[in-house]
C-alpha atoms as a PDB file:
ATOM      1  CA  UNK A   1       0.095  -0.002  -0.045  1.00  0.00           C
ATOM      2  CA  UNK A   2       1.620   3.526  -0.999  1.00  0.00           C
ATOM      3  CA  UNK A   3       0.439   6.470   0.926  1.00  0.00           C
ATOM      4  CA  UNK A   4       0.544   9.711  -0.912  1.00  0.00           C
ATOM      5  CA  UNK A   5       1.170  12.279   1.971  1.00  0.00           C
ATOM      6  CA  UNK A   6       1.391  15.138  -0.217  1.00  0.00           C
ATOM      7  CA  UNK A   7      -2.344  15.450  -0.887  1.00  0.00           C
ATOM      8  CA  UNK A   8      -4.312  18.199   0.324  1.00  0.00           C
ATOM      9  CA  UNK A   9      -6.201  16.166   2.800  1.00  0.00           C
ATOM     10  CA  UNK A  10      -2.910  16.091   4.903  1.00  0.00           C
ATOM     11  CA  UNK A  11      -2.206  19.880   4.793  1.00  0.00           C
ATOM     12  CA  UNK A  12      -2.363  21.558   8.048  1.00  0.00           C
ATOM     13  CA  UNK A  13      -4.292  24.857   8.281  1.00  0.00           C
ATOM     14  CA  UNK A  14      -5.331  27.282  11.099  1.00  0.00           C
ATOM     15  CA  UNK A  15      -9.093  27.602  11.376  1.00  0.00           C
ATOM     16  CA  UNK A  16     -10.878  30.204  13.593  1.00  0.00           C
ATOM     17  CA  UNK A  17     -13.430  29.069  15.911  1.00  0.00           C
ATOM     18  CA  UNK A  18     -15.651  30.934  18.680  1.00  0.00           C
ATOM     19  CA  UNK A  19     -15.483  29.078  22.071  1.00  0.00           C
ATOM     20  CA  UNK A  20     -17.960  30.572  24.408  1.00  0.00           C
ATOM     21  CA  UNK A  21     -17.834  33.771  22.565  1.00  0.00           C
ATOM     22  CA  UNK A  22     -13.937  33.900  22.586  1.00  0.00           C
ATOM     23  CA  UNK A  23     -12.044  33.748  19.254  1.00  0.00           C
ATOM     24  CA  UNK A  24      -9.399  31.131  19.067  1.00  0.00           C
ATOM     25  CA  UNK A  25      -7.748  29.244  16.328  1.00  0.00           C
ATOM     26  CA  UNK A  26      -6.996  25.597  15.962  1.00  0.00           C
ATOM     27  CA  UNK A  27      -4.521  23.893  13.556  1.00  0.00           C
ATOM     28  CA  UNK A  28      -5.899  20.616  12.052  1.00  0.00           C
ATOM     29  CA  UNK A  29      -5.346  18.656   8.820  1.00  0.00           C
ATOM     30  CA  UNK A  30      -7.912  19.407   6.230  1.00  0.00           C
ATOM     31  CA  UNK A  31      -9.142  15.877   6.601  1.00  0.00           C
ATOM     32  CA  UNK A  32      -9.862  16.217  10.328  1.00  0.00           C
ATOM     33  CA  UNK A  33     -11.498  19.828   9.788  1.00  0.00           C
ATOM     34  CA  UNK A  34     -13.653  18.586   6.951  1.00  0.00           C
ATOM     35  CA  UNK A  35     -14.852  15.698   9.008  1.00  0.00           C
ATOM     36  CA  UNK A  36     -15.639  17.937  11.787  1.00  0.00           C
ATOM     37  CA  UNK A  37     -17.840  20.027   9.765  1.00  0.00           C
ATOM     38  CA  UNK A  38     -19.554  17.021   8.396  1.00  0.00           C
ATOM     39  CA  UNK A  39     -20.249  15.852  11.997  1.00  0.00           C
ATOM     40  CA  UNK A  40     -21.560  19.355  13.092  1.00  0.00           C
ATOM     41  CA  UNK A  41     -23.917  19.373  10.100  1.00  0.00           C
ATOM     42  CA  UNK A  42     -25.146  15.898  10.676  1.00  0.00           C
ATOM     43  CA  UNK A  43     -26.005  17.122  14.302  1.00  0.00           C
ATOM     44  CA  UNK A  44     -27.537  20.445  13.152  1.00  0.00           C
ATOM     45  CA  UNK A  45     -25.234  22.479  15.028  1.00  0.00           C
ATOM     46  CA  UNK A  46     -22.471  25.061  14.152  1.00  0.00           C
ATOM     47  CA  UNK A  47     -19.054  24.143  14.158  1.00  0.00           C
ATOM     48  CA  UNK A  48     -18.399  26.752  16.802  1.00  0.00           C
ATOM     49  CA  UNK A  49     -21.014  24.724  19.108  1.00  0.00           C
ATOM     50  CA  UNK A  50     -19.567  21.436  18.370  1.00  0.00           C
ATOM     51  CA  UNK A  51     -15.973  22.772  19.094  1.00  0.00           C
ATOM     52  CA  UNK A  52     -17.238  24.398  22.412  1.00  0.00           C
ATOM     53  CA  UNK A  53     -18.746  21.054  23.580  1.00  0.00           C
ATOM     54  CA  UNK A  54     -15.447  19.339  22.780  1.00  0.00           C
ATOM     55  CA  UNK A  55     -13.628  22.047  24.578  1.00  0.00           C
ATOM     56  CA  UNK A  56     -15.561  21.879  27.789  1.00  0.00           C
ATOM     57  CA  UNK A  57     -14.939  18.125  27.857  1.00  0.00           C
ATOM     58  CA  UNK A  58     -11.297  18.033  26.951  1.00  0.00           C
ATOM     59  CA  UNK A  59      -8.401  17.023  29.038  1.00  0.00           C
ATOM     60  CA  UNK A  60      -5.686  17.705  26.375  1.00  0.00           C
ATOM     61  CA  UNK A  61      -4.863  20.609  23.886  1.00  0.00           C
ATOM     62  CA  UNK A  62      -7.873  21.512  21.638  1.00  0.00           C
ATOM     63  CA  UNK A  63      -6.615  20.494  18.273  1.00  0.00           C
ATOM     64  CA  UNK A  64      -5.669  16.836  19.792  1.00  0.00           C
ATOM     65  CA  UNK A  65      -9.250  16.712  21.343  1.00  0.00           C
ATOM     66  CA  UNK A  66     -10.861  17.538  18.074  1.00  0.00           C
ATOM     67  CA  UNK A  67      -8.829  14.916  16.100  1.00  0.00           C
ATOM     68  CA  UNK A  68      -9.648  12.189  18.740  1.00  0.00           C
ATOM     69  CA  UNK A  69     -13.380  13.348  18.628  1.00  0.00           C
ATOM     70  CA  UNK A  70     -13.335  12.744  14.937  1.00  0.00           C
ATOM     71  CA  UNK A  71     -11.643   9.488  15.155  1.00  0.00           C
ATOM     72  CA  UNK A  72     -14.131   8.269  17.803  1.00  0.00           C
ATOM     73  CA  UNK A  73     -17.005   9.576  15.731  1.00  0.00           C
ATOM     74  CA  UNK A  74     -15.978   7.756  12.531  1.00  0.00           C
ATOM     75  CA  UNK A  75     -15.321   4.365  14.426  1.00  0.00           C
ATOM     76  CA  UNK A  76     -18.324   4.376  16.663  1.00  0.00           C
ATOM     77  CA  UNK A  77     -20.835   7.302  15.818  1.00  0.00           C
ATOM     78  CA  UNK A  78     -22.861   6.517  19.200  1.00  0.00           C
ATOM     79  CA  UNK A  79     -19.888   6.988  21.322  1.00  0.00           C
ATOM     80  CA  UNK A  80     -19.851  10.778  20.727  1.00  0.00           C
ATOM     81  CA  UNK A  81     -23.627  11.439  20.321  1.00  0.00           C
END
């Protein structure tokens, strides 16, 4: 199996989010950001609301918490509902 690690999905970018009314930024790969946006849309909430919920529950840095949330959601959607 050959991995093409030079695709846009692996590109790191800063994304602005509002957490409890406070602007902050997170650095995520496009693949994780896109998945997070899809999860928020599926739940009928804004990306800011979803990020705030994850922020309140996290025990590590926000970018890592967002990545783990996405992975858990993809592995078992009911685990993050």
